[in-house]
Amino acid sequence: MNWLIIPGAILTLLGLAGILLSAFRVLGARRAGLEDDALRERLRGVMLLNMGALLVSVLGLMMVVLGVFLA
């Protein structure tokens, strides 16, 4: 079941990279000293990135677990 485990691990790592990227973007937005409305707008975009990265990471982990169970 390596054909399921390896791509799942790659997806998980991509999702983790996206989560880290969103965390760094939030830190940058907070350090920029933006007004409340501008900060909310920027964080709205980061939240979409965060949710997408979380979805990719969960799908990758599900693939890995399924591959281990079927192996």
N, C-alpha and C. Protein backbone atom coordinates (compact mmCIF):
# COMPACT_ATOMS: atom_id res chain seq x y z
N MET A 1 0.80 -1.20 0.00
CA MET A 1 0.00 0.00 0.00
C MET A 1 0.85 1.27 0.00
N ASN A 2 2.08 1.15 -0.47
CA ASN A 2 2.94 2.33 -0.55
C ASN A 2 2.37 3.39 -1.48
N TRP A 3 1.58 2.94 -2.45
CA TRP A 3 1.00 3.90 -3.39
C TRP A 3 -0.02 4.79 -2.71
N LEU A 4 -0.47 4.44 -1.51
CA LEU A 4 -1.41 5.26 -0.76
C LEU A 4 -0.71 6.01 0.38
N ILE A 5 0.32 5.40 0.95
CA ILE A 5 1.00 6.00 2.10
C ILE A 5 1.89 7.17 1.68
N ILE A 6 2.67 6.98 0.63
CA ILE A 6 3.62 8.02 0.21
C ILE A 6 2.90 9.31 -0.24
N PRO A 7 1.91 9.23 -1.14
CA PRO A 7 1.21 10.48 -1.50
C PRO A 7 0.47 11.10 -0.31
N GLY A 8 -0.02 10.25 0.60
CA GLY A 8 -0.68 10.78 1.80
C GLY A 8 0.29 11.56 2.67
N ALA A 9 1.50 11.05 2.81
CA ALA A 9 2.51 11.76 3.60
C ALA A 9 2.90 13.07 2.93
N ILE A 10 2.98 13.07 1.61
CA ILE A 10 3.31 14.30 0.89
C ILE A 10 2.20 15.34 1.07
N LEU A 11 0.94 14.89 0.97
CA LEU A 11 -0.18 15.81 1.18
C LEU A 11 -0.18 16.36 2.60
N THR A 12 0.13 15.51 3.56
CA THR A 12 0.18 15.96 4.95
C THR A 12 1.26 17.02 5.13
N LEU A 13 2.42 16.81 4.54
CA LEU A 13 3.50 17.80 4.66
C LEU A 13 3.15 19.10 3.96
N LEU A 14 2.47 19.01 2.82
CA LEU A 14 2.03 20.24 2.13
C LEU A 14 1.01 21.00 2.99
N GLY A 15 0.10 20.27 3.61
CA GLY A 15 -0.86 20.91 4.49
C GLY A 15 -0.20 21.56 5.68
N LEU A 16 0.79 20.88 6.26
CA LEU A 16 1.52 21.46 7.38
C LEU A 16 2.27 22.72 6.97
N ALA A 17 2.84 22.71 5.77
CA ALA A 17 3.52 23.91 5.27
C ALA A 17 2.54 25.05 5.09
N GLY A 18 1.33 24.75 4.61
CA GLY A 18 0.31 25.79 4.47
C GLY A 18 -0.13 26.35 5.81
N ILE A 19 -0.24 25.49 6.82
CA ILE A 19 -0.61 25.96 8.16
C ILE A 19 0.48 26.87 8.73
N LEU A 20 1.73 26.48 8.54
CA LEU A 20 2.83 27.33 9.01
C LEU A 20 2.87 28.66 8.26
N LEU A 21 2.60 28.62 6.95
CA LEU A 21 2.57 29.85 6.17
C LEU A 21 1.47 30.78 6.67
N SER A 22 0.33 30.23 6.98
CA SER A 22 -0.76 31.07 7.48
C SER A 22 -0.41 31.66 8.85
N ALA A 23 0.28 30.89 9.69
CA ALA A 23 0.69 31.42 11.00
C ALA A 23 1.68 32.58 10.83
N PHE A 24 2.61 32.45 9.89
CA PHE A 24 3.56 33.54 9.67
C PHE A 24 2.87 34.76 9.08
N ARG A 25 1.86 34.54 8.25
CA ARG A 25 1.12 35.68 7.70
C ARG A 25 0.33 36.41 8.78
N VAL A 26 -0.21 35.67 9.72
CA VAL A 26 -0.92 36.31 10.83
C VAL A 26 0.04 37.12 11.69
N LEU A 27 1.21 36.55 11.96
CA LEU A 27 2.21 37.30 12.73
C LEU A 27 2.62 38.58 12.00
N GLY A 28 2.80 38.48 10.70
CA GLY A 28 3.16 39.67 9.93
C GLY A 28 2.05 40.71 9.93
N ALA A 29 0.82 40.27 9.87
CA ALA A 29 -0.30 41.21 9.90
C ALA A 29 -0.42 41.88 11.25
N ARG A 30 -0.16 41.14 12.30
CA ARG A 30 -0.25 41.73 13.65
C ARG A 30 0.88 42.73 13.88
N ARG A 31 2.05 42.42 13.34
CA ARG A 31 3.19 43.32 13.53
C ARG A 31 3.11 44.56 12.65
N ALA A 32 2.27 44.52 11.62
CA ALA A 32 2.16 45.67 10.71
C ALA A 32 1.44 46.84 11.36
N GLY A 33 0.76 46.60 12.45
CA GLY A 33 0.08 47.69 13.16
C GLY A 33 -1.09 48.25 12.38
N LEU A 34 -1.86 47.40 11.75
CA LEU A 34 -3.00 47.84 10.95
C LEU A 34 -4.18 48.22 11.84
N GLU A 35 -5.06 49.00 11.26
CA GLU A 35 -6.31 49.33 11.96
C GLU A 35 -7.16 48.07 12.07
N ASP A 36 -8.18 48.13 12.89
CA ASP A 36 -8.99 46.95 13.18
C ASP A 36 -9.65 46.38 11.92
N ASP A 37 -10.24 47.22 11.09
CA ASP A 37 -10.92 46.73 9.88
C ASP A 37 -9.93 46.15 8.88
N ALA A 38 -8.81 46.80 8.70
CA ALA A 38 -7.80 46.29 7.76
C ALA A 38 -7.21 44.96 8.25
N LEU A 39 -7.03 44.87 9.55
CA LEU A 39 -6.51 43.61 10.12
C LEU A 39 -7.51 42.49 9.92
N ARG A 40 -8.79 42.77 10.11
CA ARG A 40 -9.81 41.74 9.90
C ARG A 40 -9.85 41.28 8.45
N GLU A 41 -9.73 42.20 7.52
CA GLU A 41 -9.73 41.83 6.10
C GLU A 41 -8.55 40.93 5.76
N ARG A 42 -7.38 41.28 6.29
CA ARG A 42 -6.21 40.46 6.00
C ARG A 42 -6.33 39.08 6.65
N LEU A 43 -6.88 39.04 7.85
CA LEU A 43 -7.03 37.76 8.53
C LEU A 43 -8.10 36.90 7.88
N ARG A 44 -9.07 37.51 7.22
CA ARG A 44 -10.08 36.74 6.49
C ARG A 44 -9.43 35.92 5.38
N GLY A 45 -8.53 36.53 4.66
CA GLY A 45 -7.83 35.82 3.60
C GLY A 45 -6.92 34.73 4.14
N VAL A 46 -6.29 35.00 5.26
CA VAL A 46 -5.41 34.01 5.88
C VAL A 46 -6.23 32.84 6.41
N MET A 47 -7.44 33.12 6.87
CA MET A 47 -8.29 32.05 7.39
C MET A 47 -8.66 31.07 6.28
N LEU A 48 -8.88 31.56 5.08
CA LEU A 48 -9.15 30.66 3.95
C LEU A 48 -7.96 29.76 3.66
N LEU A 49 -6.77 30.35 3.68
CA LEU A 49 -5.55 29.56 3.48
C LEU A 49 -5.41 28.51 4.58
N ASN A 50 -5.68 28.90 5.81
CA ASN A 50 -5.56 28.00 6.94
C ASN A 50 -6.54 26.83 6.83
N MET A 51 -7.78 27.11 6.49
CA MET A 51 -8.77 26.05 6.36
C MET A 51 -8.45 25.11 5.19
N GLY A 52 -7.98 25.66 4.09
CA GLY A 52 -7.59 24.83 2.96
C GLY A 52 -6.40 23.94 3.30
N ALA A 53 -5.43 24.50 4.01
CA ALA A 53 -4.26 23.71 4.41
C ALA A 53 -4.65 22.63 5.40
N LEU A 54 -5.57 22.94 6.29
CA LEU A 54 -6.03 21.95 7.24
C LEU A 54 -6.76 20.81 6.52
N LEU A 55 -7.55 21.14 5.53
CA LEU A 55 -8.25 20.12 4.75
C LEU A 55 -7.26 19.20 4.03
N VAL A 56 -6.25 19.79 3.39
CA VAL A 56 -5.24 19.00 2.68
C VAL A 56 -4.49 18.09 3.66
N SER A 57 -4.16 18.62 4.82
CA SER A 57 -3.44 17.84 5.82
C SER A 57 -4.29 16.68 6.33
N VAL A 58 -5.57 16.91 6.59
CA VAL A 58 -6.45 15.85 7.07
C VAL A 58 -6.63 14.78 6.00
N LEU A 59 -6.80 15.18 4.76
CA LEU A 59 -6.94 14.20 3.68
C LEU A 59 -5.68 13.35 3.56
N GLY A 60 -4.52 13.97 3.69
CA GLY A 60 -3.27 13.23 3.64
C GLY A 60 -3.15 12.25 4.78
N LEU A 61 -3.53 12.67 5.98
CA LEU A 61 -3.47 11.76 7.11
C LEU A 61 -4.45 10.61 6.96
N MET A 62 -5.60 10.87 6.41
CA MET A 62 -6.56 9.79 6.16
C MET A 62 -6.01 8.79 5.16
N MET A 63 -5.32 9.28 4.15
CA MET A 63 -4.72 8.38 3.17
C MET A 63 -3.65 7.51 3.83
N VAL A 64 -2.84 8.10 4.70
CA VAL A 64 -1.79 7.33 5.37
C VAL A 64 -2.42 6.26 6.26
N VAL A 65 -3.41 6.63 7.05
CA VAL A 65 -4.04 5.66 7.95
C VAL A 65 -4.70 4.55 7.15
N LEU A 66 -5.38 4.89 6.08
CA LEU A 66 -6.02 3.88 5.24
C LEU A 66 -4.98 2.94 4.62
N GLY A 67 -3.87 3.51 4.19
CA GLY A 67 -2.81 2.70 3.61
C GLY A 67 -2.18 1.75 4.62
N VAL A 68 -2.05 2.22 5.87
CA VAL A 68 -1.50 1.35 6.91
C VAL A 68 -2.48 0.24 7.25
N PHE A 69 -3.76 0.56 7.33
CA PHE A 69 -4.76 -0.47 7.64
C PHE A 69 -4.86 -1.52 6.55
N LEU A 70 -4.73 -1.11 5.31
CA LEU A 70 -4.87 -2.05 4.21
C LEU A 70 -3.60 -2.84 3.93
N ALA A 71 -2.50 -2.41 4.49
CA ALA A 71 -1.21 -3.07 4.22
C ALA A 71 -1.09 -4.40 4.94
